[in-house]
N, C-alpha and C. Protein backbone atom coordinates (compact mmCIF):
# COMPACT_ATOMS: atom_id res chain seq x y z
N MET A 1 19.58 8.34 18.20
CA MET A 1 18.42 7.90 17.42
C MET A 1 18.39 6.43 17.41
N ASP A 2 17.18 5.86 17.49
CA ASP A 2 16.94 4.42 17.34
C ASP A 2 16.03 4.21 16.19
N VAL A 3 16.30 3.23 15.41
CA VAL A 3 15.39 2.85 14.33
C VAL A 3 14.85 1.50 14.67
N ILE A 4 13.49 1.45 14.88
CA ILE A 4 12.80 0.19 15.27
C ILE A 4 12.18 -0.34 13.97
N ILE A 5 12.43 -1.66 13.77
CA ILE A 5 11.97 -2.28 12.53
C ILE A 5 11.17 -3.55 12.86
N LYS A 6 10.03 -3.70 12.17
CA LYS A 6 9.17 -4.87 12.38
C LYS A 6 8.61 -5.31 11.02
N ALA A 7 8.57 -6.59 10.81
CA ALA A 7 8.00 -7.11 9.55
C ALA A 7 7.38 -8.51 9.81
N LYS A 8 6.10 -8.59 9.57
CA LYS A 8 5.40 -9.84 9.71
C LYS A 8 5.80 -10.75 8.55
N VAL A 9 5.86 -12.04 8.82
CA VAL A 9 6.14 -12.99 7.76
C VAL A 9 4.80 -13.69 7.46
N LYS A 10 4.34 -13.53 6.21
CA LYS A 10 3.07 -14.12 5.80
C LYS A 10 3.26 -15.62 5.42
N PRO A 11 2.23 -16.40 5.46
CA PRO A 11 2.31 -17.81 5.13
C PRO A 11 2.97 -18.08 3.80
N THR A 12 2.84 -17.15 2.82
CA THR A 12 3.38 -17.34 1.50
C THR A 12 4.82 -16.87 1.35
N GLU A 13 5.41 -16.37 2.48
CA GLU A 13 6.76 -15.83 2.39
C GLU A 13 7.81 -16.69 3.09
N ASP A 14 8.99 -16.58 2.60
CA ASP A 14 10.16 -17.26 3.24
C ASP A 14 10.70 -16.26 4.27
N LYS A 15 10.79 -16.73 5.53
CA LYS A 15 11.18 -15.77 6.62
C LYS A 15 12.62 -15.24 6.41
N TYR A 16 13.45 -15.98 5.72
CA TYR A 16 14.84 -15.53 5.51
C TYR A 16 14.88 -14.51 4.34
N LYS A 17 13.98 -14.56 3.42
CA LYS A 17 13.90 -13.55 2.39
C LYS A 17 13.38 -12.23 2.98
N VAL A 18 12.48 -12.30 3.90
CA VAL A 18 11.97 -11.07 4.62
C VAL A 18 13.12 -10.48 5.39
N LYS A 19 13.94 -11.32 6.03
CA LYS A 19 15.08 -10.81 6.79
C LYS A 19 16.06 -10.14 5.83
N LYS A 20 16.30 -10.76 4.69
CA LYS A 20 17.24 -10.17 3.68
C LYS A 20 16.72 -8.83 3.22
N ALA A 21 15.41 -8.72 3.02
CA ALA A 21 14.81 -7.45 2.57
C ALA A 21 15.09 -6.33 3.57
N ILE A 22 14.92 -6.66 4.85
CA ILE A 22 15.24 -5.67 5.91
C ILE A 22 16.70 -5.28 5.90
N LEU A 23 17.56 -6.31 5.87
CA LEU A 23 19.00 -6.02 5.92
C LEU A 23 19.54 -5.33 4.67
N ASN A 24 18.82 -5.41 3.56
CA ASN A 24 19.25 -4.67 2.35
C ASN A 24 19.12 -3.21 2.56
N ILE A 25 18.21 -2.78 3.42
CA ILE A 25 17.98 -1.35 3.66
C ILE A 25 18.68 -0.92 4.97
N PHE A 26 18.67 -1.78 5.96
CA PHE A 26 19.30 -1.51 7.25
C PHE A 26 20.24 -2.62 7.62
N PRO A 27 21.44 -2.66 6.95
CA PRO A 27 22.34 -3.80 7.11
C PRO A 27 22.90 -4.04 8.54
N LYS A 28 22.90 -3.02 9.34
CA LYS A 28 23.47 -3.19 10.69
C LYS A 28 22.37 -3.45 11.73
N ALA A 29 21.14 -3.71 11.26
CA ALA A 29 20.05 -3.95 12.25
C ALA A 29 20.28 -5.31 12.94
N LYS A 30 20.04 -5.32 14.20
CA LYS A 30 20.06 -6.55 15.00
C LYS A 30 18.63 -7.12 15.04
N LEU A 31 18.41 -8.21 14.35
CA LEU A 31 17.08 -8.75 14.16
C LEU A 31 16.84 -10.01 14.97
N ASN A 32 15.64 -10.20 15.48
CA ASN A 32 15.21 -11.39 16.19
C ASN A 32 13.93 -11.86 15.56
N PHE A 33 13.82 -13.17 15.40
CA PHE A 33 12.56 -13.70 14.89
C PHE A 33 11.66 -14.08 16.05
N VAL A 34 10.46 -13.53 16.05
CA VAL A 34 9.50 -13.82 17.10
C VAL A 34 8.42 -14.69 16.56
N LYS A 35 8.32 -15.90 17.08
CA LYS A 35 7.31 -16.84 16.57
C LYS A 35 5.94 -16.40 17.03
N GLY A 36 4.97 -16.45 16.10
CA GLY A 36 3.61 -16.03 16.42
C GLY A 36 2.85 -17.24 17.01
N GLU A 37 1.58 -17.00 17.31
CA GLU A 37 0.73 -18.05 17.84
C GLU A 37 0.48 -19.15 16.79
N ASP A 38 0.42 -18.72 15.51
CA ASP A 38 0.37 -19.70 14.44
C ASP A 38 1.82 -20.12 14.16
N GLU A 39 2.09 -20.78 13.09
CA GLU A 39 3.47 -21.20 12.84
C GLU A 39 4.29 -20.10 12.23
N PHE A 40 3.72 -18.96 11.92
CA PHE A 40 4.50 -17.87 11.32
C PHE A 40 4.73 -16.82 12.46
N GLY A 41 5.58 -15.86 12.14
CA GLY A 41 5.93 -14.87 13.16
C GLY A 41 6.32 -13.59 12.51
N LYS A 42 7.25 -12.87 13.13
CA LYS A 42 7.70 -11.60 12.60
C LYS A 42 9.13 -11.33 12.99
N TRP A 43 9.79 -10.51 12.20
CA TRP A 43 11.13 -10.05 12.45
C TRP A 43 10.99 -8.74 13.20
N GLU A 44 11.77 -8.61 14.30
CA GLU A 44 11.83 -7.35 15.04
C GLU A 44 13.25 -6.99 15.25
N GLY A 45 13.56 -5.72 15.17
CA GLY A 45 14.96 -5.35 15.35
C GLY A 45 15.14 -3.86 15.59
N VAL A 46 16.36 -3.52 15.80
CA VAL A 46 16.72 -2.11 16.02
C VAL A 46 18.09 -1.83 15.48
N THR A 47 18.29 -0.59 15.04
CA THR A 47 19.62 -0.12 14.57
C THR A 47 19.72 1.34 14.89
N LYS A 48 20.91 1.86 14.82
CA LYS A 48 21.14 3.30 14.93
C LYS A 48 21.62 3.82 13.59
N ASN A 49 21.89 2.93 12.65
CA ASN A 49 22.57 3.30 11.39
C ASN A 49 21.55 3.36 10.24
N VAL A 50 21.50 4.54 9.63
CA VAL A 50 20.60 4.76 8.51
C VAL A 50 21.39 5.12 7.22
N GLU A 51 22.66 4.86 7.21
CA GLU A 51 23.49 5.25 6.08
C GLU A 51 23.09 4.59 4.77
N LYS A 52 22.84 3.27 4.80
CA LYS A 52 22.43 2.58 3.53
C LYS A 52 21.06 3.12 3.06
N PHE A 53 20.15 3.38 3.97
CA PHE A 53 18.85 3.91 3.67
C PHE A 53 19.02 5.28 2.95
N LYS A 54 19.89 6.12 3.54
CA LYS A 54 20.20 7.44 2.95
C LYS A 54 20.82 7.27 1.53
N GLU A 55 21.72 6.36 1.44
CA GLU A 55 22.38 6.14 0.15
C GLU A 55 21.42 5.72 -0.94
N ILE A 56 20.44 4.82 -0.58
CA ILE A 56 19.47 4.33 -1.55
C ILE A 56 18.51 5.48 -1.95
N LEU A 57 18.10 6.32 -1.01
CA LEU A 57 17.22 7.47 -1.31
C LEU A 57 17.91 8.37 -2.31
N ARG A 58 19.20 8.59 -2.15
CA ARG A 58 19.93 9.46 -3.07
C ARG A 58 20.11 8.82 -4.42
N ARG A 59 20.45 7.53 -4.41
CA ARG A 59 20.64 6.80 -5.69
C ARG A 59 19.37 6.78 -6.49
N GLN A 60 18.23 6.59 -5.82
CA GLN A 60 16.95 6.56 -6.54
C GLN A 60 16.39 7.96 -6.84
N ALA A 61 17.03 9.00 -6.29
CA ALA A 61 16.60 10.39 -6.46
C ALA A 61 15.15 10.56 -5.98
N ILE A 62 14.87 10.08 -4.76
CA ILE A 62 13.54 10.24 -4.21
C ILE A 62 13.54 10.91 -2.87
N LEU A 63 14.49 11.90 -2.70
CA LEU A 63 14.63 12.62 -1.49
C LEU A 63 13.39 13.41 -1.09
N ASP A 64 12.79 14.07 -2.09
CA ASP A 64 11.58 14.93 -1.75
C ASP A 64 10.43 14.04 -1.33
N THR A 65 10.23 12.88 -2.02
CA THR A 65 9.17 11.96 -1.62
C THR A 65 9.46 11.43 -0.22
N ALA A 66 10.69 11.01 0.03
CA ALA A 66 11.05 10.52 1.34
C ALA A 66 10.79 11.54 2.44
N ARG A 67 11.20 12.80 2.15
CA ARG A 67 11.00 13.88 3.10
C ARG A 67 9.50 14.03 3.45
N MET A 68 8.68 14.03 2.39
CA MET A 68 7.24 14.15 2.61
C MET A 68 6.69 13.03 3.47
N VAL A 69 7.09 11.80 3.17
CA VAL A 69 6.63 10.66 3.96
C VAL A 69 7.09 10.71 5.38
N LEU A 70 8.36 11.06 5.59
CA LEU A 70 8.92 11.18 6.95
C LEU A 70 8.21 12.25 7.75
N GLU A 71 7.97 13.37 7.14
CA GLU A 71 7.29 14.47 7.83
C GLU A 71 5.83 14.13 8.16
N LYS A 72 5.18 13.42 7.23
CA LYS A 72 3.78 13.04 7.43
C LYS A 72 3.66 12.09 8.62
N GLY A 73 4.67 11.26 8.85
CA GLY A 73 4.62 10.27 9.92
C GLY A 73 5.04 10.77 11.30
N ILE A 74 5.38 12.04 11.45
CA ILE A 74 5.87 12.57 12.71
C ILE A 74 4.78 12.47 13.80
N MET A 75 5.19 11.95 14.96
CA MET A 75 4.41 11.96 16.15
C MET A 75 5.34 12.20 17.29
N GLU A 76 5.20 13.36 17.95
CA GLU A 76 6.14 13.79 18.99
C GLU A 76 7.58 13.76 18.56
N SER A 77 8.39 12.89 19.15
CA SER A 77 9.84 12.85 18.81
C SER A 77 10.17 11.66 17.93
N SER A 78 9.23 11.20 17.10
CA SER A 78 9.48 10.08 16.21
C SER A 78 8.77 10.28 14.86
N THR A 79 9.09 9.40 13.96
CA THR A 79 8.36 9.35 12.68
C THR A 79 8.27 7.87 12.31
N LYS A 80 7.21 7.52 11.60
CA LYS A 80 7.02 6.14 11.21
C LYS A 80 6.53 6.02 9.75
N PHE A 81 6.88 4.94 9.14
CA PHE A 81 6.48 4.68 7.78
C PHE A 81 6.65 3.17 7.43
N TYR A 82 6.12 2.73 6.32
CA TYR A 82 6.24 1.38 5.84
C TYR A 82 7.04 1.36 4.56
N LEU A 83 7.82 0.27 4.40
CA LEU A 83 8.54 0.04 3.17
C LEU A 83 8.04 -1.25 2.55
N ASN A 84 7.99 -1.29 1.23
CA ASN A 84 7.55 -2.45 0.47
C ASN A 84 8.61 -3.55 0.55
N LYS A 85 8.22 -4.78 0.96
CA LYS A 85 9.17 -5.86 1.15
C LYS A 85 9.86 -6.27 -0.15
N GLN A 86 9.04 -6.37 -1.21
CA GLN A 86 9.56 -6.81 -2.53
C GLN A 86 10.62 -5.87 -3.03
N ALA A 87 10.34 -4.56 -2.89
CA ALA A 87 11.39 -3.58 -3.37
C ALA A 87 12.62 -3.68 -2.50
N ALA A 88 12.43 -3.79 -1.18
CA ALA A 88 13.60 -3.90 -0.26
C ALA A 88 14.41 -5.12 -0.55
N TYR A 89 13.76 -6.19 -0.95
CA TYR A 89 14.47 -7.43 -1.22
C TYR A 89 15.49 -7.25 -2.39
N VAL A 90 15.18 -6.38 -3.31
CA VAL A 90 16.13 -6.08 -4.40
C VAL A 90 16.96 -4.79 -4.13
N GLY A 91 16.91 -4.31 -2.88
CA GLY A 91 17.76 -3.18 -2.51
C GLY A 91 17.21 -1.82 -2.87
N ALA A 92 15.87 -1.75 -3.06
CA ALA A 92 15.26 -0.48 -3.43
C ALA A 92 14.31 -0.04 -2.34
N VAL A 93 14.06 1.28 -2.28
CA VAL A 93 13.13 1.82 -1.35
C VAL A 93 11.82 2.18 -2.09
N ASN A 94 10.71 1.65 -1.62
CA ASN A 94 9.41 2.00 -2.14
C ASN A 94 8.51 2.15 -0.89
N PHE A 95 8.05 3.36 -0.67
CA PHE A 95 7.20 3.60 0.53
C PHE A 95 5.87 2.92 0.26
N ASP A 96 5.30 2.34 1.32
CA ASP A 96 4.12 1.50 1.22
C ASP A 96 3.14 1.90 2.29
N ILE A 97 1.90 1.55 2.07
CA ILE A 97 0.92 1.57 3.18
C ILE A 97 0.84 0.11 3.62
N ASP A 98 0.34 -0.15 4.79
CA ASP A 98 0.46 -1.50 5.35
C ASP A 98 -0.57 -2.49 4.82
N THR A 99 -1.07 -2.25 3.64
CA THR A 99 -2.05 -3.20 3.11
C THR A 99 -1.43 -4.54 2.75
N HIS A 100 -0.18 -4.59 2.36
CA HIS A 100 0.48 -5.83 2.00
C HIS A 100 1.39 -6.38 3.08
N GLY A 101 1.35 -5.80 4.28
CA GLY A 101 2.21 -6.26 5.35
C GLY A 101 3.63 -5.89 5.09
N GLY A 102 3.87 -4.62 4.87
CA GLY A 102 5.25 -4.12 4.59
C GLY A 102 6.13 -4.14 5.81
N ILE A 103 7.30 -3.53 5.61
CA ILE A 103 8.27 -3.39 6.73
C ILE A 103 7.95 -2.08 7.48
N PHE A 104 7.63 -2.23 8.74
CA PHE A 104 7.31 -1.05 9.60
C PHE A 104 8.66 -0.51 10.09
N VAL A 105 8.81 0.84 9.96
CA VAL A 105 10.00 1.47 10.42
C VAL A 105 9.60 2.68 11.26
N LYS A 106 10.20 2.76 12.45
CA LYS A 106 9.95 3.92 13.31
C LYS A 106 11.31 4.48 13.77
N ILE A 107 11.50 5.77 13.46
CA ILE A 107 12.75 6.46 13.81
C ILE A 107 12.40 7.32 15.05
N VAL A 108 13.12 7.01 16.15
CA VAL A 108 12.87 7.71 17.39
C VAL A 108 14.08 8.56 17.78
N ALA A 109 13.85 9.86 17.95
CA ALA A 109 14.92 10.72 18.34
C ALA A 109 15.28 10.55 19.80
N ASP A 110 16.55 10.66 20.14
CA ASP A 110 17.01 10.63 21.53
C ASP A 110 16.54 11.94 22.19
N LYS A 111 16.66 11.99 23.51
CA LYS A 111 16.20 13.16 24.26
C LYS A 111 16.82 14.46 23.78
N ASN A 112 18.13 14.44 23.39
CA ASN A 112 18.83 15.64 22.98
C ASN A 112 18.78 15.85 21.49
N GLU A 113 17.96 15.10 20.78
CA GLU A 113 17.87 15.24 19.32
C GLU A 113 16.50 15.81 18.91
N ASP A 114 16.50 16.39 17.70
CA ASP A 114 15.27 16.93 17.16
C ASP A 114 14.92 16.04 15.95
N ILE A 115 13.69 15.52 15.92
CA ILE A 115 13.25 14.66 14.84
C ILE A 115 13.34 15.34 13.47
N ILE A 116 13.06 16.66 13.46
CA ILE A 116 13.13 17.40 12.20
C ILE A 116 14.54 17.45 11.66
N LYS A 117 15.54 17.61 12.55
CA LYS A 117 16.94 17.61 12.09
C LYS A 117 17.35 16.22 11.60
N ILE A 118 16.84 15.16 12.18
CA ILE A 118 17.13 13.84 11.73
C ILE A 118 16.55 13.62 10.31
N ILE A 119 15.32 14.10 10.13
CA ILE A 119 14.66 13.99 8.83
C ILE A 119 15.43 14.80 7.78
N LYS A 120 15.87 16.02 8.16
CA LYS A 120 16.66 16.84 7.24
C LYS A 120 17.95 16.14 6.81
N ASP A 121 18.53 15.42 7.72
CA ASP A 121 19.77 14.69 7.38
C ASP A 121 19.48 13.48 6.48
N ILE A 122 18.40 12.72 6.77
CA ILE A 122 18.07 11.56 5.98
C ILE A 122 17.59 11.97 4.57
N ALA A 123 16.74 12.99 4.50
CA ALA A 123 16.12 13.36 3.23
C ALA A 123 16.10 14.90 3.11
N PRO A 124 17.26 15.47 2.76
CA PRO A 124 17.30 16.94 2.60
C PRO A 124 16.48 17.38 1.41
N ARG A 125 16.04 18.62 1.40
CA ARG A 125 15.27 19.19 0.30
C ARG A 125 16.16 19.29 -0.89
N THR A 126 15.53 19.20 -2.06
CA THR A 126 16.27 19.34 -3.32
C THR A 126 15.61 20.42 -4.20
N LYS A 127 16.36 20.95 -5.10
CA LYS A 127 15.85 21.88 -6.11
C LYS A 127 16.49 21.47 -7.44
N GLY A 128 15.62 21.12 -8.37
CA GLY A 128 16.16 20.65 -9.65
C GLY A 128 17.00 19.40 -9.55
N GLY A 129 16.69 18.55 -8.56
CA GLY A 129 17.43 17.34 -8.35
C GLY A 129 18.72 17.47 -7.56
N VAL A 130 19.04 18.70 -7.11
CA VAL A 130 20.23 18.94 -6.38
C VAL A 130 19.92 19.28 -4.91
N ILE A 131 20.65 18.63 -3.97
CA ILE A 131 20.40 18.90 -2.59
C ILE A 131 20.74 20.36 -2.30
N ILE A 132 19.81 21.03 -1.58
CA ILE A 132 20.04 22.44 -1.19
C ILE A 132 20.29 22.46 0.32
N ASN A 133 21.10 23.47 0.73
CA ASN A 133 21.35 23.66 2.16
C ASN A 133 20.23 24.53 2.70
N GLU A 134 19.32 23.91 3.45
CA GLU A 134 18.15 24.63 3.96
C GLU A 134 18.51 25.75 4.92
N ASP A 135 19.59 25.56 5.71
CA ASP A 135 19.98 26.60 6.62
C ASP A 135 20.42 27.85 5.88
N GLU A 136 21.22 27.64 4.80
CA GLU A 136 21.65 28.79 3.98
C GLU A 136 20.46 29.42 3.29
N LEU A 137 19.52 28.60 2.83
CA LEU A 137 18.34 29.11 2.13
C LEU A 137 17.53 29.96 3.10
N GLU A 138 17.32 29.49 4.34
CA GLU A 138 16.57 30.28 5.32
C GLU A 138 17.27 31.58 5.63
N THR A 139 18.63 31.55 5.69
CA THR A 139 19.38 32.78 5.97
C THR A 139 19.21 33.76 4.81
N VAL A 140 19.27 33.29 3.60
CA VAL A 140 19.07 34.16 2.40
C VAL A 140 17.71 34.73 2.41
N GLU A 141 16.67 33.93 2.69
CA GLU A 141 15.29 34.41 2.76
C GLU A 141 15.15 35.47 3.86
N GLU A 142 15.74 35.24 5.04
CA GLU A 142 15.66 36.22 6.12
C GLU A 142 16.33 37.51 5.70
N THR A 143 17.50 37.38 5.04
CA THR A 143 18.20 38.59 4.56
C THR A 143 17.37 39.36 3.56
N ASN A 144 16.76 38.65 2.62
CA ASN A 144 15.95 39.29 1.62
C ASN A 144 14.73 39.93 2.24
N ASN A 145 14.10 39.28 3.19
CA ASN A 145 12.94 39.86 3.89
C ASN A 145 13.32 41.10 4.66
N THR A 146 14.50 41.10 5.27
CA THR A 146 14.98 42.26 6.03
C THR A 146 15.25 43.41 5.05
N LYS A 147 15.84 43.15 3.89
CA LYS A 147 16.11 44.17 2.88
C LYS A 147 14.78 44.77 2.40
N THR A 148 13.83 43.91 2.18
CA THR A 148 12.48 44.36 1.71
C THR A 148 11.82 45.27 2.74
N GLU A 149 11.93 44.83 4.02
CA GLU A 149 11.32 45.63 5.08
C GLU A 149 12.06 46.96 5.25
N LEU A 150 13.36 47.01 5.02
CA LEU A 150 14.08 48.27 5.12
C LEU A 150 13.68 49.20 3.98
N LYS A 151 13.53 48.68 2.78
CA LYS A 151 13.12 49.49 1.65
C LYS A 151 11.73 50.06 1.89
N LYS A 152 10.83 49.28 2.43
CA LYS A 152 9.48 49.75 2.71
C LYS A 152 9.47 50.86 3.74
N SER A 153 10.39 50.80 4.73
CA SER A 153 10.39 51.79 5.78
C SER A 153 11.09 53.07 5.39
N GLU A 154 11.84 53.06 4.30
CA GLU A 154 12.59 54.24 3.88
C GLU A 154 11.68 55.26 3.23
């Protein structure tokens, strides 16, 4: 998996604070500053590591929201979303729409990976605030459905 990150630097922003915001969420990202036609530019980078992002989602207890956002952004073998720069600057995740020029994040699955499995790993489903094992849940549901079908046929 590759995580592609982009963030424009607005005239009112310090480019190093924008970089810090990105690195607070994706500390292993390799970032490059690309100067724009005006005197401002944008940070662009890539990482394969989403551990800090996962840790923050769990700490903030927003796994279900994250899962919804990640699933909504799916296009073929990737998903995309925006993060609020101000929240990221203080080490928090707040999903954003691009009205304020947030941090653009695109997670791209490798050829042998499934984007749904990546999303399940980043933001597993919860029940009552506790992470549930979806594979076990599906197996239990299949078993219950089979039992119900057997009772009906008897």
